[in-house]
Protein backbone atom coordinates (compact mmCIF):
# COMPACT_ATOMS: atom_id res chain seq x y z
CA UNK A 1 0.00 0.00 0.00
CA UNK A 2 1.51 3.36 -0.98
CA UNK A 3 1.64 6.43 1.20
CA UNK A 4 -0.86 8.02 -1.11
CA UNK A 5 -3.41 5.32 -0.47
CA UNK A 6 -2.81 5.47 3.25
CA UNK A 7 -3.54 9.17 3.12
CA UNK A 8 -6.70 8.62 1.10
CA UNK A 9 -8.22 6.16 3.52
CA UNK A 10 -7.20 8.08 6.60
CA UNK A 11 -4.68 5.52 7.86
CA UNK A 12 -1.76 6.68 9.97
CA UNK A 13 1.66 6.81 8.31
CA UNK A 14 3.57 3.56 8.51
CA UNK A 15 6.30 5.20 10.56
CA UNK A 16 3.84 6.11 13.31
CA UNK A 17 3.54 3.74 16.28
CA UNK A 18 0.42 4.02 18.42
CA UNK A 19 1.29 4.37 22.10
CA UNK A 20 -0.34 1.65 24.18
CA UNK A 21 -1.60 -0.27 21.17
CA UNK A 22 -0.54 -3.86 20.54
CA UNK A 23 1.26 -4.94 17.41
CA UNK A 24 -0.65 -5.28 14.17
CA UNK A 25 -3.03 -8.23 14.24
CA UNK A 26 -3.39 -8.35 18.03
CA UNK A 27 -6.37 -7.25 20.03
CA UNK A 28 -6.39 -3.83 21.61
CA UNK A 29 -7.76 -2.81 24.95
CA UNK A 30 -11.44 -1.91 25.02
CA UNK A 31 -10.76 1.01 27.32
CA UNK A 32 -10.64 4.39 25.68
CA UNK A 33 -7.42 6.27 26.28
CA UNK A 34 -8.37 9.82 27.24
CA UNK A 35 -5.78 12.46 26.35
CA UNK A 36 -4.38 14.49 29.24
CA UNK A 37 -4.87 18.25 29.48
CA UNK A 38 -2.36 20.48 27.75
CA UNK A 39 -0.58 22.89 30.07
CA UNK A 40 -1.46 26.47 29.17
CA UNK A 41 1.16 29.12 28.84
CA UNK A 42 4.16 26.78 28.95
CA UNK A 43 7.05 27.26 26.54
CA UNK A 44 7.35 24.88 23.62
CA UNK A 45 9.59 21.88 24.20
CA UNK A 46 12.28 20.54 21.92
CA UNK A 47 11.15 18.69 18.84
CA UNK A 48 12.54 15.42 20.21
CA UNK A 49 10.21 15.53 23.25
CA UNK A 50 7.19 13.24 23.45
CA UNK A 51 4.05 14.71 21.86
CA UNK A 52 1.78 16.54 24.27
CA UNK A 53 -1.89 15.58 24.44
CA UNK A 54 -4.07 17.36 21.96
CA UNK A 55 -1.36 17.43 19.32
CA UNK A 56 -2.14 16.10 15.84
CA UNK A 57 0.03 13.05 16.50
CA UNK A 58 -1.84 12.12 19.69
CA UNK A 59 -5.18 12.68 17.95
CA UNK A 60 -4.01 10.46 15.11
CA UNK A 61 -3.08 7.74 17.59
CA UNK A 62 -6.49 7.93 19.23
CA UNK A 63 -8.21 7.68 15.85
CA UNK A 64 -6.21 4.52 15.16
CA UNK A 65 -7.34 3.02 18.48
CA UNK A 66 -10.97 3.92 17.78
CA UNK A 67 -10.73 2.52 14.25
CA UNK A 68 -9.38 -0.80 15.52
CA UNK A 69 -12.22 -1.12 18.01
CA UNK A 70 -14.79 -0.36 15.32
CA UNK A 71 -13.28 -3.03 13.08
CA UNK A 72 -13.13 -5.63 15.86
CA UNK A 73 -16.76 -5.07 16.88
CA UNK A 74 -17.98 -5.45 13.29
CA UNK A 75 -15.74 -8.46 12.70
CA UNK A 76 -17.12 -10.22 15.80
CA UNK A 77 -20.64 -9.90 14.36
CA UNK A 78 -19.52 -10.97 10.90
CA UNK A 79 -17.74 -14.11 12.12
CA UNK A 80 -20.59 -14.95 14.49
CA UNK A 81 -23.26 -14.68 11.82
CA UNK A 82 -21.45 -16.24 8.87
CA UNK A 83 -18.56 -18.25 10.23
CA UNK A 84 -14.93 -17.81 9.26
CA UNK A 85 -15.14 -19.21 5.73
CA UNK A 86 -18.14 -17.14 4.62
CA UNK A 87 -17.06 -13.96 6.37
CA UNK A 88 -15.18 -11.37 4.36
CA UNK A 89 -13.23 -8.21 5.04
CA UNK A 90 -15.33 -6.41 2.43
CA UNK A 91 -18.50 -7.27 4.37
CA UNK A 92 -16.86 -5.99 7.53
CA UNK A 93 -16.03 -2.79 5.66
CA UNK A 94 -19.69 -2.48 4.67
CA UNK A 95 -20.73 -2.89 8.30
CA UNK A 96 -18.41 -0.13 9.45
CA UNK A 97 -18.39 2.22 6.49
CA UNK A 98 -14.61 1.86 6.36
CA UNK A 99 -12.76 1.23 3.12
CA UNK A 100 -11.24 -2.19 2.57
CA UNK A 101 -7.62 -0.86 2.42
CA UNK A 102 -8.01 0.76 5.85
CA UNK A 103 -9.08 -2.54 7.42
CA UNK A 104 -6.21 -4.44 5.83
CA UNK A 105 -3.86 -1.68 6.95
CA UNK A 106 -4.64 -2.65 10.56
CA UNK A 107 -5.32 -6.38 10.01
CA UNK A 108 -3.67 -7.56 6.83
CA UNK A 109 -5.54 -10.89 6.48
CA UNK A 110 -8.84 -12.42 7.59
CA UNK A 111 -6.93 -14.89 9.76
CA UNK A 112 -5.10 -12.07 11.53
CA UNK A 113 -8.38 -10.24 12.06
CA UNK A 114 -10.11 -13.37 13.40
CA UNK A 115 -7.35 -13.91 15.97
CA UNK A 116 -7.52 -10.25 16.97
CA UNK A 117 -11.27 -10.62 17.59
CA UNK A 118 -10.70 -13.62 19.87
CA UNK A 119 -7.85 -11.90 21.72
CA UNK A 120 -9.88 -8.76 22.20
CA UNK A 121 -12.89 -10.66 23.60
CA UNK A 122 -10.89 -12.68 26.10
CA UNK A 123 -8.89 -9.62 27.13
CA UNK A 124 -12.17 -7.93 28.00
CA UNK A 125 -13.29 -10.97 30.03
CA UNK A 126 -10.03 -10.92 31.97
CA UNK A 127 -10.41 -7.17 32.55
CA UNK A 128 -13.89 -7.67 33.98
CA UNK A 129 -12.64 -10.46 36.22
CA UNK A 130 -9.80 -8.30 37.52
CA UNK A 131 -12.21 -5.41 38.03
CA UNK A 132 -14.98 -7.39 39.76
CA UNK A 133 -12.75 -9.75 41.74
CA UNK A 134 -10.07 -7.77 43.56
CA UNK A 135 -6.93 -9.50 44.74
CA UNK A 136 -8.34 -9.95 48.23
CA UNK A 137 -7.32 -13.05 50.16
CA UNK A 138 -10.36 -12.64 52.37
CA UNK A 139 -12.64 -13.70 49.52
CA UNK A 140 -13.48 -17.38 49.67
CA UNK A 141 -13.30 -19.55 46.52
CA UNK A 142 -17.10 -19.63 46.23
CA UNK A 143 -17.31 -15.83 46.48
CA UNK A 144 -14.74 -15.46 43.73
CA UNK A 145 -16.58 -17.91 41.50
CA UNK A 146 -19.88 -16.12 42.00
CA UNK A 147 -18.33 -12.80 41.02
CA UNK A 148 -16.39 -14.19 38.04
CA UNK A 149 -19.27 -16.12 36.50
CA UNK A 150 -21.54 -13.13 37.08
CA UNK A 151 -19.05 -10.92 35.22
CA UNK A 152 -18.95 -13.43 32.38
CA UNK A 153 -22.73 -13.38 32.03
CA UNK A 154 -22.75 -9.60 31.89
CA UNK A 155 -20.02 -9.77 29.24
CA UNK A 156 -22.20 -12.05 27.08
CA UNK A 157 -25.10 -9.61 27.46
CA UNK A 158 -22.91 -6.75 26.28
CA UNK A 159 -21.45 -8.84 23.44
CA UNK A 160 -24.25 -11.24 22.40
CA UNK A 161 -22.36 -12.31 19.27
CA UNK A 162 -19.56 -13.82 21.35
CA UNK A 163 -21.46 -17.03 22.11
CA UNK A 164 -22.21 -17.70 18.43
CA UNK A 165 -18.63 -16.81 17.51
CA UNK A 166 -17.42 -19.50 19.91
CA UNK A 167 -20.00 -22.09 18.83
CA UNK A 168 -18.91 -21.82 15.21
CA UNK A 169 -15.31 -22.43 16.22
CA UNK A 170 -16.22 -25.51 18.29
CA UNK A 171 -17.27 -27.61 15.31
CA UNK A 172 -15.30 -30.84 14.70
CA UNK A 173 -12.25 -30.49 12.50
CA UNK A 174 -12.05 -26.72 12.82
CA UNK A 175 -8.40 -25.83 12.12
CA UNK A 176 -8.58 -22.75 14.35
CA UNK A 177 -9.90 -24.59 17.42
CA UNK A 178 -6.49 -25.84 18.71
CA UNK A 179 -5.12 -22.28 18.75
CA UNK A 180 -8.28 -21.04 20.48
CA UNK A 181 -8.08 -23.76 23.12
CA UNK A 182 -4.39 -23.37 23.88
CA UNK A 183 -4.15 -19.58 23.89
CA UNK A 184 -7.59 -18.50 25.15
CA UNK A 185 -9.72 -21.24 26.71
CA UNK A 186 -7.16 -23.12 28.78
CA UNK A 187 -5.67 -20.00 30.42
CA UNK A 188 -9.19 -18.89 31.39
CA UNK A 189 -9.98 -22.31 32.85
CA UNK A 190 -6.70 -22.38 34.75
CA UNK A 191 -7.88 -19.34 36.65
CA UNK A 192 -11.24 -20.89 37.57
CA UNK A 193 -10.52 -24.58 38.16
CA UNK A 194 -8.48 -24.11 41.38
CA UNK A 195 -11.30 -22.00 42.77
CA UNK A 196 -13.85 -24.69 41.90
CA UNK A 197 -11.71 -27.30 43.67
CA UNK A 198 -11.35 -24.98 46.65
CA UNK A 199 -15.12 -24.46 46.88
CA UNK A 200 -15.63 -28.22 46.67
CA UNK A 201 -13.13 -28.77 49.47
CA UNK A 202 -14.96 -26.17 51.58
CA UNK A 203 -18.23 -28.01 51.00
CA UNK A 204 -19.73 -25.05 49.09
CA UNK A 205 -20.03 -26.98 45.80
CA UNK A 206 -20.89 -30.63 45.18
CA UNK A 207 -18.10 -33.01 44.30
CA UNK A 208 -17.47 -33.76 40.63
CA UNK A 209 -15.14 -33.01 37.76
CA UNK A 210 -14.28 -29.28 38.05
CA UNK A 211 -14.00 -28.99 34.26
CA UNK A 212 -17.56 -30.24 33.79
CA UNK A 213 -18.80 -27.82 36.44
CA UNK A 214 -17.06 -25.00 34.57
CA UNK A 215 -18.71 -25.88 31.26
CA UNK A 216 -22.06 -26.24 33.00
CA UNK A 217 -21.65 -22.68 34.26
CA UNK A 218 -20.57 -21.40 30.84
CA UNK A 219 -23.78 -22.83 29.38
CA UNK A 220 -25.91 -21.30 32.12
CA UNK A 221 -24.25 -17.93 31.83
CA UNK A 222 -24.57 -17.83 28.03
CA UNK A 223 -28.23 -18.73 27.69
CA UNK A 224 -29.65 -15.21 27.98
CA UNK A 225 -27.55 -14.01 25.05
CA UNK A 226 -27.70 -17.16 22.93
CA UNK A 227 -31.49 -17.59 23.22
CA UNK A 228 -32.52 -13.96 23.65
CA UNK A 229 -34.83 -13.90 20.63
CA UNK A 230 -36.51 -17.17 21.60
CA UNK A 231 -36.89 -16.00 25.20
CA UNK A 232 -38.49 -12.76 24.07
CA UNK A 233 -40.96 -14.42 21.69
CA UNK A 234 -41.96 -17.17 24.11
CA UNK A 235 -42.09 -15.14 27.34
CA UNK A 236 -42.06 -11.45 26.41
CA UNK A 237 -38.95 -10.96 28.53
CA UNK A 238 -36.05 -8.88 27.25
CA UNK A 239 -32.97 -10.96 28.06
CA UNK A 240 -30.73 -7.88 28.25
CA UNK A 241 -33.05 -6.02 30.65
CA UNK A 242 -30.99 -5.42 33.83
CA UNK A 243 -33.92 -6.56 35.97
CA UNK A 244 -34.16 -9.82 34.02
CA UNK A 245 -30.40 -10.35 34.31
CA UNK A 246 -30.49 -9.78 38.07
CA UNK A 247 -33.44 -12.15 38.48
CA UNK A 248 -31.66 -14.82 36.47
CA UNK A 249 -28.47 -14.42 38.49
CA UNK A 250 -30.49 -14.65 41.70
CA UNK A 251 -31.85 -18.03 40.55
CA UNK A 252 -28.33 -19.29 39.83
CA UNK A 253 -27.20 -17.96 43.19
CA UNK A 254 -29.98 -19.85 44.95
CA UNK A 255 -29.57 -23.18 43.17
CA UNK A 256 -25.80 -23.26 42.60
CA UNK A 257 -23.87 -20.97 44.91
CA UNK A 258 -26.21 -20.70 47.90
CA UNK A 259 -28.62 -23.64 47.93
CA UNK A 260 -31.58 -22.84 50.12
CA UNK A 261 -30.86 -19.09 50.26
CA UNK A 262 -33.55 -16.57 49.42
CA UNK A 263 -33.73 -15.33 45.84
CA UNK A 264 -32.24 -11.96 45.00
CA UNK A 265 -28.93 -12.41 46.81
CA UNK A 266 -26.57 -12.46 43.83
CA UNK A 267 -24.29 -9.42 44.03
CA UNK A 268 -24.71 -6.58 41.59
CA UNK A 269 -21.77 -5.88 39.31
CA UNK A 270 -18.81 -4.59 41.25
CA UNK A 271 -20.16 -5.76 44.60
CA UNK A 272 -18.15 -8.12 46.78
Foldseek 3Di string as FASTA:
>chain_A
DDPVVCVVQLHDDPVADQPQADAFLAAHEPDQDDFDDDDPPDDDDDPPDDDHPPDPSNVSSSVLNVVRVLLLLLLLQQCLVQNLVPGDLVVSCVVRVGDSVNVCVRHVDSVSSLNNSLNRLLVVLVVLLCQQPPPDPVDALLNSVLQSLLSVLLSCLVRLSNVSSVVSCPDPPRPCVVVCCVPGVVVVVVVNQVSQVRCCVVVQFPDDDSVVVVVVSVVLSNCLSPCQVVCCVVPVDRSSDPVNSQQSSQVCCCVGRNPPDDGRPRDDGNDD
